[in-house]
N, C-alpha and C. Protein backbone atom coordinates (compact mmCIF):
# COMPACT_ATOMS: atom_id res chain seq x y z
N MET A 1 -71.96 -36.50 5.84
CA MET A 1 -73.32 -36.18 4.93
C MET A 1 -74.12 -36.95 4.04
N LYS A 2 -75.43 -37.33 4.38
CA LYS A 2 -76.22 -37.76 3.67
C LYS A 2 -77.90 -37.50 3.32
N PHE A 3 -77.72 -37.36 1.72
CA PHE A 3 -79.00 -36.70 1.42
C PHE A 3 -79.76 -38.01 0.86
N THR A 4 -81.31 -38.57 1.27
CA THR A 4 -82.22 -39.42 0.71
C THR A 4 -83.72 -39.08 0.62
N TYR A 5 -84.16 -39.55 -0.51
CA TYR A 5 -85.64 -38.91 -1.17
C TYR A 5 -86.01 -40.43 -1.07
N ASP A 6 -87.82 -39.88 -0.93
CA ASP A 6 -88.29 -41.38 -0.76
C ASP A 6 -89.56 -41.08 -1.27
N PRO A 7 -89.63 -41.35 -2.89
CA PRO A 7 -90.91 -40.87 -3.36
C PRO A 7 -92.17 -41.65 -3.17
N ARG A 8 -92.12 -43.07 -2.32
CA ARG A 8 -93.02 -43.16 -2.04
C ARG A 8 -93.98 -42.61 -0.82
N TYR A 9 -93.23 -41.61 -0.21
CA TYR A 9 -94.35 -40.68 0.84
C TYR A 9 -93.87 -39.42 0.46
N ASN A 10 -92.80 -38.79 -0.59
CA ASN A 10 -92.73 -37.60 -0.80
C ASN A 10 -91.91 -36.87 0.24
N ILE A 11 -90.60 -37.73 0.84
CA ILE A 11 -89.98 -36.99 2.14
C ILE A 11 -88.70 -37.32 1.86
N ALA A 12 -87.46 -36.05 2.03
CA ALA A 12 -86.07 -35.82 1.96
C ALA A 12 -85.71 -35.71 3.17
N TYR A 13 -84.60 -36.31 3.50
CA TYR A 13 -83.96 -36.24 4.35
C TYR A 13 -82.40 -35.57 4.48
N ILE A 14 -81.77 -34.75 5.02
CA ILE A 14 -80.44 -34.50 4.91
C ILE A 14 -79.96 -34.93 6.57
N ARG A 15 -79.03 -36.06 6.65
CA ARG A 15 -78.25 -36.50 7.19
C ARG A 15 -77.22 -35.68 7.81
N PHE A 16 -76.79 -34.93 8.92
CA PHE A 16 -75.70 -34.50 9.07
C PHE A 16 -74.89 -35.38 10.01
N HIS A 17 -75.46 -36.04 11.13
CA HIS A 17 -74.64 -37.34 12.20
C HIS A 17 -75.92 -38.39 12.27
N GLU A 18 -75.21 -39.82 12.42
CA GLU A 18 -75.94 -40.87 13.06
C GLU A 18 -76.82 -40.04 14.00
N LYS A 19 -77.73 -40.66 14.30
CA LYS A 19 -78.44 -40.11 15.60
C LYS A 19 -77.87 -41.17 16.85
N GLY A 20 -77.42 -40.61 17.89
CA GLY A 20 -76.91 -40.93 19.05
C GLY A 20 -77.32 -40.55 20.23
N GLY A 21 -77.45 -41.39 21.44
CA GLY A 21 -78.08 -40.52 22.26
C GLY A 21 -79.84 -39.99 22.03
N GLU A 22 -79.78 -39.07 23.06
CA GLU A 22 -81.04 -38.00 22.64
C GLU A 22 -81.18 -37.21 21.72
N VAL A 23 -82.46 -37.11 20.67
CA VAL A 23 -82.21 -36.16 19.73
C VAL A 23 -83.67 -35.59 19.84
N GLU A 24 -84.05 -34.46 19.75
CA GLU A 24 -85.42 -33.60 19.71
C GLU A 24 -86.09 -33.57 18.40
N THR A 25 -86.92 -33.52 17.79
CA THR A 25 -87.36 -33.26 16.52
C THR A 25 -88.22 -32.15 16.73
N ILE A 26 -87.69 -30.91 16.13
CA ILE A 26 -88.53 -29.75 16.25
C ILE A 26 -88.85 -29.23 15.11
N LYS A 27 -90.41 -29.21 15.28
CA LYS A 27 -91.27 -28.48 14.16
C LYS A 27 -90.92 -27.47 13.70
N ILE A 28 -90.75 -27.20 12.41
CA ILE A 28 -90.73 -25.50 11.86
C ILE A 28 -91.62 -25.02 11.41
N SER A 29 -91.99 -26.04 10.25
CA SER A 29 -93.87 -25.46 9.85
C SER A 29 -94.34 -27.03 9.36
N ASP A 30 -95.69 -26.66 8.74
CA ASP A 30 -95.73 -28.46 8.65
C ASP A 30 -95.28 -29.23 7.80
N GLU A 31 -94.19 -28.70 7.12
CA GLU A 31 -93.23 -29.34 6.19
C GLU A 31 -91.94 -29.37 6.09
N LEU A 32 -91.27 -29.08 7.46
CA LEU A 32 -90.21 -29.28 7.40
C LEU A 32 -90.28 -29.33 8.97
N PHE A 33 -89.14 -30.32 9.73
CA PHE A 33 -88.62 -30.90 10.88
C PHE A 33 -86.95 -30.77 10.75
N VAL A 34 -86.44 -30.23 12.23
CA VAL A 34 -85.30 -30.18 12.43
C VAL A 34 -85.12 -31.77 13.88
N ASP A 35 -83.88 -32.36 13.33
CA ASP A 35 -83.69 -33.14 14.43
C ASP A 35 -82.56 -32.49 15.28
N MET A 36 -82.28 -32.30 16.81
CA MET A 36 -81.46 -31.32 17.29
C MET A 36 -81.29 -32.35 18.65
N ALA A 37 -79.79 -32.50 19.15
CA ALA A 37 -79.15 -32.68 19.99
C ALA A 37 -79.41 -31.68 21.36
N PRO A 38 -79.54 -32.24 22.80
CA PRO A 38 -79.64 -30.81 23.49
C PRO A 38 -78.61 -30.40 23.41
N ASP A 39 -77.44 -30.40 23.10
CA ASP A 39 -75.68 -29.56 22.85
C ASP A 39 -76.11 -28.68 21.55
N GLY A 40 -77.18 -28.40 20.42
CA GLY A 40 -77.32 -27.81 19.66
C GLY A 40 -77.37 -28.49 18.45
N ALA A 41 -76.35 -29.34 18.76
CA ALA A 41 -76.01 -29.97 16.67
C ALA A 41 -77.00 -30.44 16.14
N ILE A 42 -77.17 -30.19 15.29
CA ILE A 42 -78.45 -30.53 14.08
C ILE A 42 -78.05 -32.10 13.82
N TYR A 43 -78.93 -32.99 13.95
CA TYR A 43 -78.44 -34.36 13.29
C TYR A 43 -79.32 -34.70 11.89
N GLY A 44 -80.35 -33.79 11.53
CA GLY A 44 -80.80 -34.00 10.19
C GLY A 44 -82.38 -32.76 9.97
N ILE A 45 -82.63 -32.64 9.01
CA ILE A 45 -83.59 -32.03 8.36
C ILE A 45 -84.14 -32.69 7.59
N GLU A 46 -85.59 -33.03 7.75
CA GLU A 46 -86.67 -33.41 7.64
C GLU A 46 -87.65 -32.55 6.64
N LEU A 47 -88.19 -32.91 4.89
CA LEU A 47 -88.49 -32.08 3.91
C LEU A 47 -89.88 -32.97 3.79
N LEU A 48 -91.20 -32.63 4.21
CA LEU A 48 -92.23 -33.32 3.62
C LEU A 48 -92.81 -32.59 2.67
N ASN A 49 -93.33 -32.96 1.40
CA ASN A 49 -93.61 -32.46 0.30
C ASN A 49 -92.51 -32.00 -0.35
N ALA A 50 -91.70 -32.80 -0.18
CA ALA A 50 -90.26 -32.33 -0.62
C ALA A 50 -90.16 -32.51 -2.38
N ASN A 51 -90.99 -32.91 -3.13
CA ASN A 51 -90.68 -32.32 -4.58
C ASN A 51 -91.11 -31.05 -4.89
N GLU A 52 -92.02 -30.56 -4.02
CA GLU A 52 -92.54 -29.38 -4.40
C GLU A 52 -91.12 -28.46 -3.88
N GLN A 53 -90.76 -28.63 -2.46
CA GLN A 53 -89.56 -27.83 -1.52
C GLN A 53 -88.37 -27.47 -2.64
N MET A 54 -88.06 -28.90 -2.73
CA MET A 54 -86.73 -28.87 -3.69
C MET A 54 -86.78 -28.40 -4.88
N LYS A 55 -87.80 -28.16 -5.78
CA LYS A 55 -88.01 -27.83 -7.32
C LYS A 55 -87.48 -26.50 -7.19
N GLY A 56 -87.76 -25.68 -6.86
CA GLY A 56 -86.73 -24.24 -6.65
C GLY A 56 -86.35 -23.92 -7.79
N GLU A 57 -84.98 -22.99 -8.08
CA GLU A 57 -84.76 -22.27 -9.41
C GLU A 57 -83.96 -23.55 -10.30
N GLU A 58 -83.92 -24.34 -9.51
CA GLU A 58 -82.22 -25.39 -9.95
C GLU A 58 -83.15 -26.65 -10.88
N MET A 59 -84.51 -26.69 -10.21
CA MET A 59 -85.85 -27.28 -11.16
C MET A 59 -85.13 -28.96 -10.99
N GLY A 60 -85.31 -29.28 -9.66
CA GLY A 60 -84.94 -30.64 -9.38
C GLY A 60 -83.55 -31.14 -9.62
N LYS A 61 -82.68 -30.25 -9.57
CA LYS A 61 -81.22 -30.52 -9.31
C LYS A 61 -80.45 -30.27 -7.79
N PHE A 62 -79.64 -31.40 -7.36
CA PHE A 62 -78.92 -31.13 -6.82
C PHE A 62 -77.45 -30.55 -6.78
N MET A 63 -77.18 -29.44 -6.41
CA MET A 63 -76.25 -28.65 -6.59
C MET A 63 -75.07 -28.86 -5.14
N VAL A 64 -73.87 -28.80 -5.56
CA VAL A 64 -73.28 -28.47 -4.17
C VAL A 64 -71.94 -27.68 -4.94
N ILE A 65 -71.92 -26.31 -3.88
CA ILE A 65 -70.86 -25.57 -4.81
C ILE A 65 -70.08 -25.02 -3.70
N ASN A 66 -68.99 -24.55 -4.02
CA ASN A 66 -67.94 -24.70 -2.98
C ASN A 66 -67.52 -22.88 -3.40
N GLU A 67 -68.19 -22.41 -2.24
CA GLU A 67 -68.44 -20.99 -2.69
C GLU A 67 -67.36 -20.48 -2.77
N ALA A 68 -65.55 -20.66 -2.20
CA ALA A 68 -64.72 -20.62 -1.88
C ALA A 68 -63.89 -20.50 -3.52
N THR A 69 -64.00 -22.04 -4.22
CA THR A 69 -63.25 -21.92 -5.50
C THR A 69 -64.63 -21.74 -6.83
N GLY A 70 -65.65 -21.78 -6.37
CA GLY A 70 -66.92 -21.54 -7.14
C GLY A 70 -66.74 -23.00 -7.69
N ALA A 71 -66.01 -24.17 -7.85
CA ALA A 71 -66.51 -25.38 -8.26
C ALA A 71 -67.86 -25.76 -7.82
N LYS A 72 -68.72 -26.71 -8.71
CA LYS A 72 -69.65 -26.71 -8.82
C LYS A 72 -69.81 -28.42 -8.92
N ALA A 73 -70.78 -29.03 -8.50
CA ALA A 73 -71.39 -30.38 -8.91
C ALA A 73 -72.69 -30.76 -8.94
N GLU A 74 -73.39 -31.00 -9.81
CA GLU A 74 -74.63 -31.16 -9.85
C GLU A 74 -75.39 -32.70 -10.38
N MET A 75 -76.38 -32.91 -9.52
CA MET A 75 -77.07 -34.18 -10.60
C MET A 75 -78.63 -34.03 -10.19
N PRO A 76 -79.46 -34.59 -11.02
CA PRO A 76 -80.40 -34.52 -11.04
C PRO A 76 -80.96 -35.34 -10.07
N LEU A 77 -82.43 -35.03 -9.79
CA LEU A 77 -83.08 -35.84 -8.75
C LEU A 77 -84.66 -36.23 -9.17
N ALA A 78 -84.46 -37.78 -8.66
CA ALA A 78 -85.82 -38.34 -9.41
C ALA A 78 -87.02 -38.08 -8.50
N LEU A 79 -87.58 -36.83 -8.64
CA LEU A 79 -88.65 -36.34 -7.88
C LEU A 79 -89.75 -36.58 -8.26
N GLY A 80 -90.63 -37.21 -7.85
CA GLY A 80 -91.98 -37.80 -8.65
C GLY A 80 -92.93 -36.43 -9.46
């Protein structure tokens, strides 16, 4: 999995798989798009207006939490 953020356009992308073959982009809302293969595999999620969508209660920190062990890792996001 790869997470990218482009502050020039304020777009974030969470990539689960490299796009290979046919992928359809499904508009969920004006600021959320999902790239999906015909078999239902999700290739990625795109967030427009990302800095507003990702601030939330973590205030711009990217957190990875292992729910089984409670282990956490976090890093600040450079969101404009």
